[in-house]
Every structure is written in structure tokens, then in C-alpha cells.
Amino acid sequence: NVTLTDKDGNVTVVDKTWTFLKDADGKMRIMAHHSSLPYLPDSPSQITEAEVLAAQEGWGEALVNIATTFDNKGLPAAKTLAGEIIDAAYGYQFGPVLFKPTLANGEQTFRTTREGALAYFVGDDASYPSDTGFALKGWREVEIENSAVRIEGNTAQTMGWVIMTDKSGNVTKVDKTWTF
């Protein structure tokens, strides 16, 4: 780790990896340089399967809440709620999130920023013209069927299906992998 202190005294700790080559003149040359920001210290406790299942259930409830808020109160209220949910559930405040939305494709498939995630869930962003709002599709029920849950210390991965039912009774079943 490398500790950096800026002119105002703010401290940032980052992971660094370098590969050096000593050239024919005896000068050191950087051949590879990798930085990871931010550095996150280990959590004081291990994540539990119950916490993983609760987080997945919360995601499903949030999807339904955004959809019903849109139906009952309109897009501005749904967009505000979606932003609050993204801030509470996703780790964008720590850096890029590896989010590949179910129904996104083409040049804007991956949503590594909060703005991209919000556009995917509720649309209404000129920077993402193909997004119509995944969370606005009238979802009324979400069921999660995990094929496997793998826990390693303070992280967990799940793989399985998410089965969503809309207000007309139409069912959409998608493959889903999460990392917590």
C-alpha cells in the first residue's frame, strides 16, 4: 500500500503494483503500473448467508417499490427513490461498480457509474437514450432462486435466477450474479 497526503492533509491509501526494468544505461524504467483506489480495509466481521439473502430480498423489494412509486406518484418521485436506493445498496461511493444490467446492450452495456445505474433503472437521461427504465416496468413481485452462494470473509457471490412478475402477471426470468 502507498499512503498519499494532499496539500490539505487529506490521506488516501491505495494499492500499488509496479514492475521495473533496469535498462542498458542502468536507469530504472517503469514497465507496468497498477493502482487500485480506494483502499478498503477488511471488515471487522464476516458476511453471513442471512445477510446476503436479506440484501437480495431488499433489492427485489426496492425494484417493486420503484415500480409502484412510478405508477402512483410519477417519474420524479420514482427517480428520487431510485437514487436513494442506489446510494444505499450499491458501492458507487467506493469507486466503479461492476454492473452489467440485464436488458442493457451495445455501447452502453456496462454501468460502472451511479448516473449510468440510475438511467438504467428509471430512464430520463439524455446521456443514455436507449434506457426506458427497467424499474418502471410495473414489477409487483420478485423471487430469487440462488443456485449457489459463496462466502469468503467479508465478501459473497451469488449466482442464480431472479423471477419478476409485472402487474399484468407476465413473468420475466433472468440469470443473475451478484457480489456483495
Protein backbone atom coordinates (compact mmCIF):
# COMPACT_ATOMS: atom_id res chain seq x y z
CA ASN A 1 0.00 0.00 0.00
CA VAL A 2 1.01 3.59 -0.62
CA THR A 3 -0.22 6.43 1.59
CA LEU A 4 -0.73 9.76 -0.18
CA THR A 5 -1.33 13.05 1.63
CA ASP A 6 -2.56 16.06 -0.31
CA LYS A 7 -1.79 19.73 0.43
CA ASP A 8 -4.83 19.96 2.73
CA GLY A 9 -3.74 16.97 4.82
CA ASN A 10 -6.29 14.54 3.38
CA VAL A 11 -4.90 11.00 3.41
CA THR A 12 -5.65 8.35 0.78
CA VAL A 13 -4.35 4.79 0.92
CA VAL A 14 -4.08 2.92 -2.38
CA ASP A 15 -2.89 -0.47 -3.52
CA LYS A 16 0.05 -0.17 -5.94
CA THR A 17 1.82 -2.68 -8.12
CA TRP A 18 4.85 -1.78 -10.20
CA THR A 19 7.15 -3.74 -12.48
CA PHE A 20 10.56 -2.19 -13.17
CA LEU A 21 13.20 -2.83 -15.81
CA LYS A 22 16.79 -1.72 -15.48
CA ASP A 23 17.81 -0.58 -18.96
CA ALA A 24 21.23 -0.85 -20.66
CA ASP A 25 22.24 2.52 -19.17
CA GLY A 26 21.41 1.36 -15.65
CA LYS A 27 18.25 3.51 -15.38
CA MET A 28 15.15 2.12 -13.76
CA ARG A 29 12.10 2.19 -16.06
CA ILE A 30 8.50 1.51 -15.07
CA MET A 31 7.15 -1.26 -17.27
CA ALA A 32 3.80 -1.83 -15.54
CA HIS A 33 1.95 0.39 -13.09
CA HIS A 34 -1.34 -0.55 -11.47
CA SER A 35 -3.25 1.41 -8.83
CA SER A 36 -6.43 0.45 -7.02
CA LEU A 37 -8.47 3.22 -5.44
CA PRO A 38 -9.87 3.36 -2.91
CA TYR A 39 -8.22 1.02 -0.47
CA LEU A 40 -10.87 -0.58 1.72
CA PRO A 41 -9.70 -2.16 4.95
CA ASP A 42 -11.05 -5.57 5.86
CA SER A 43 -14.43 -5.56 7.50
CA PRO A 44 -14.35 -6.41 11.18
CA SER A 45 -16.80 -9.26 10.62
CA GLN A 46 -17.57 -11.96 8.11
CA ILE A 47 -20.64 -11.60 5.94
CA THR A 48 -23.30 -14.21 6.63
CA GLU A 49 -25.61 -16.06 4.29
CA ALA A 50 -28.57 -14.49 6.10
CA GLU A 51 -27.17 -11.02 5.27
CA VAL A 52 -26.74 -12.00 1.62
CA LEU A 53 -30.30 -13.30 1.37
CA ALA A 54 -31.62 -10.19 3.12
CA ALA A 55 -29.73 -7.95 0.67
CA GLN A 56 -31.19 -9.85 -2.28
CA GLU A 57 -34.68 -9.66 -0.81
CA GLY A 58 -34.17 -5.93 -0.23
CA TRP A 59 -33.14 -5.48 -3.87
CA GLY A 60 -36.35 -7.18 -5.00
CA GLU A 61 -38.48 -5.08 -2.67
CA ALA A 62 -36.73 -1.94 -3.89
CA LEU A 63 -37.47 -2.83 -7.52
CA VAL A 64 -41.17 -3.26 -6.70
CA ASN A 65 -41.18 -0.02 -4.66
CA ILE A 66 -39.72 1.97 -7.57
CA ALA A 67 -42.30 0.50 -9.96
CA THR A 68 -45.27 1.22 -7.68
CA THR A 69 -43.97 4.69 -6.85
CA PHE A 70 -43.79 5.40 -10.58
CA ASP A 71 -47.36 4.15 -11.08
CA ASN A 72 -48.75 6.11 -8.11
CA LYS A 73 -46.63 9.27 -7.97
CA GLY A 74 -44.90 9.63 -11.34
CA LEU A 75 -41.37 9.73 -12.68
CA PRO A 76 -39.85 12.43 -10.44
CA ALA A 77 -40.78 10.51 -7.28
CA ALA A 78 -39.61 7.20 -8.75
CA LYS A 79 -36.32 8.76 -9.83
CA THR A 80 -35.71 10.22 -6.37
CA LEU A 81 -36.48 6.87 -4.74
CA ALA A 82 -34.24 5.00 -7.21
CA GLY A 83 -31.36 7.38 -6.45
CA GLU A 84 -31.78 6.81 -2.72
CA ILE A 85 -31.85 3.04 -3.23
CA ILE A 86 -28.75 3.10 -5.43
CA ASP A 87 -26.91 5.16 -2.81
CA ALA A 88 -27.89 2.73 -0.05
CA ALA A 89 -27.43 -0.59 -1.88
CA TYR A 90 -24.60 -0.11 -4.38
CA GLY A 91 -20.96 0.81 -3.71
CA TYR A 92 -20.53 3.69 -6.18
CA GLN A 93 -19.15 5.88 -3.39
CA PHE A 94 -16.14 3.50 -3.25
CA GLY A 95 -15.42 3.50 -7.00
CA PRO A 96 -16.71 1.85 -10.15
CA VAL A 97 -19.32 -0.87 -9.64
CA LEU A 98 -19.20 -3.86 -11.99
CA PHE A 99 -22.86 -3.64 -13.01
CA LYS A 100 -23.98 -5.33 -16.23
CA PRO A 101 -27.72 -4.70 -16.35
CA THR A 102 -29.98 -7.45 -17.61
CA LEU A 103 -31.52 -5.54 -20.50
CA ALA A 104 -28.66 -3.20 -21.46
CA ASN A 105 -26.60 -3.76 -24.61
CA GLY A 106 -24.42 -2.10 -27.19
CA GLU A 107 -22.09 0.78 -26.38
CA GLN A 108 -23.74 1.42 -23.00
CA THR A 109 -23.96 -2.13 -21.70
CA PHE A 110 -21.94 -1.61 -18.53
CA ARG A 111 -22.98 0.82 -15.78
CA THR A 112 -19.91 1.50 -13.68
CA THR A 113 -21.20 4.90 -12.50
CA ARG A 114 -24.15 5.94 -10.35
CA GLU A 115 -25.51 8.02 -13.23
CA GLY A 116 -25.48 5.01 -15.54
CA ALA A 117 -27.24 2.84 -12.97
CA LEU A 118 -29.91 5.47 -12.34
CA ALA A 119 -30.53 5.85 -16.08
CA TYR A 120 -30.90 2.09 -16.43
CA PHE A 121 -33.42 1.83 -13.61
CA VAL A 122 -35.59 4.87 -14.45
CA GLY A 123 -34.51 6.27 -17.84
CA ASP A 124 -34.93 10.02 -18.23
CA ASP A 125 -31.27 10.71 -19.04
CA ALA A 126 -30.24 12.06 -22.45
CA SER A 127 -26.78 10.53 -21.99
CA TYR A 128 -28.44 7.08 -22.09
CA PRO A 129 -31.01 7.43 -24.88
CA SER A 130 -31.82 3.69 -25.07
CA ASP A 131 -32.83 3.43 -21.41
CA THR A 132 -36.57 3.36 -20.81
CA GLY A 133 -36.45 2.44 -17.14
CA PHE A 134 -36.09 -1.21 -16.15
CA ALA A 135 -37.60 -0.49 -12.74
CA LEU A 136 -40.61 1.23 -14.31
CA LYS A 137 -41.95 -1.92 -15.99
CA GLY A 138 -44.71 -2.48 -13.46
CA TRP A 139 -42.96 -5.08 -11.30
CA ARG A 140 -45.11 -6.38 -8.45
CA GLU A 141 -43.21 -9.43 -7.23
CA VAL A 142 -39.58 -10.55 -7.24
CA GLU A 143 -38.38 -14.03 -6.33
CA ILE A 144 -34.73 -15.01 -6.13
CA GLU A 145 -33.56 -18.60 -6.61
CA ASN A 146 -29.88 -18.96 -5.83
CA SER A 147 -28.02 -21.82 -7.44
CA ALA A 148 -25.06 -21.13 -5.16
CA VAL A 149 -23.91 -18.66 -2.51
CA ARG A 150 -20.16 -18.43 -1.91
CA ILE A 151 -18.86 -16.52 1.11
CA GLU A 152 -15.22 -15.54 1.62
CA GLY A 153 -14.67 -13.34 4.66
CA ASN A 154 -16.39 -10.01 4.11
CA THR A 155 -17.47 -10.69 0.51
CA ALA A 156 -20.01 -13.04 -1.03
CA GLN A 157 -21.00 -14.04 -4.55
CA THR A 158 -24.32 -15.48 -5.64
CA MET A 159 -25.49 -16.99 -8.89
CA GLY A 160 -29.00 -17.95 -9.82
CA TRP A 161 -32.25 -16.62 -11.21
CA VAL A 162 -34.35 -13.59 -10.50
CA ILE A 163 -38.00 -14.11 -11.38
CA MET A 164 -40.02 -10.90 -11.72
CA THR A 165 -43.77 -10.64 -12.18
CA ASP A 166 -45.34 -7.46 -13.52
CA LYS A 167 -48.78 -6.01 -12.74
CA SER A 168 -50.31 -7.90 -15.68
CA GLY A 169 -48.99 -11.22 -14.40
CA ASN A 170 -46.25 -11.52 -17.03
CA VAL A 171 -43.16 -13.29 -15.70
CA THR A 172 -39.56 -12.46 -16.64
CA LYS A 173 -36.82 -14.85 -15.51
CA VAL A 174 -33.19 -13.72 -15.78
CA ASP A 175 -29.77 -15.09 -14.86
CA LYS A 176 -28.16 -13.01 -12.12
CA THR A 177 -24.76 -12.95 -10.47
CA TRP A 178 -24.13 -10.63 -7.53
CA THR A 179 -21.06 -9.81 -5.49
CA PHE A 180 -21.55 -8.34 -2.03
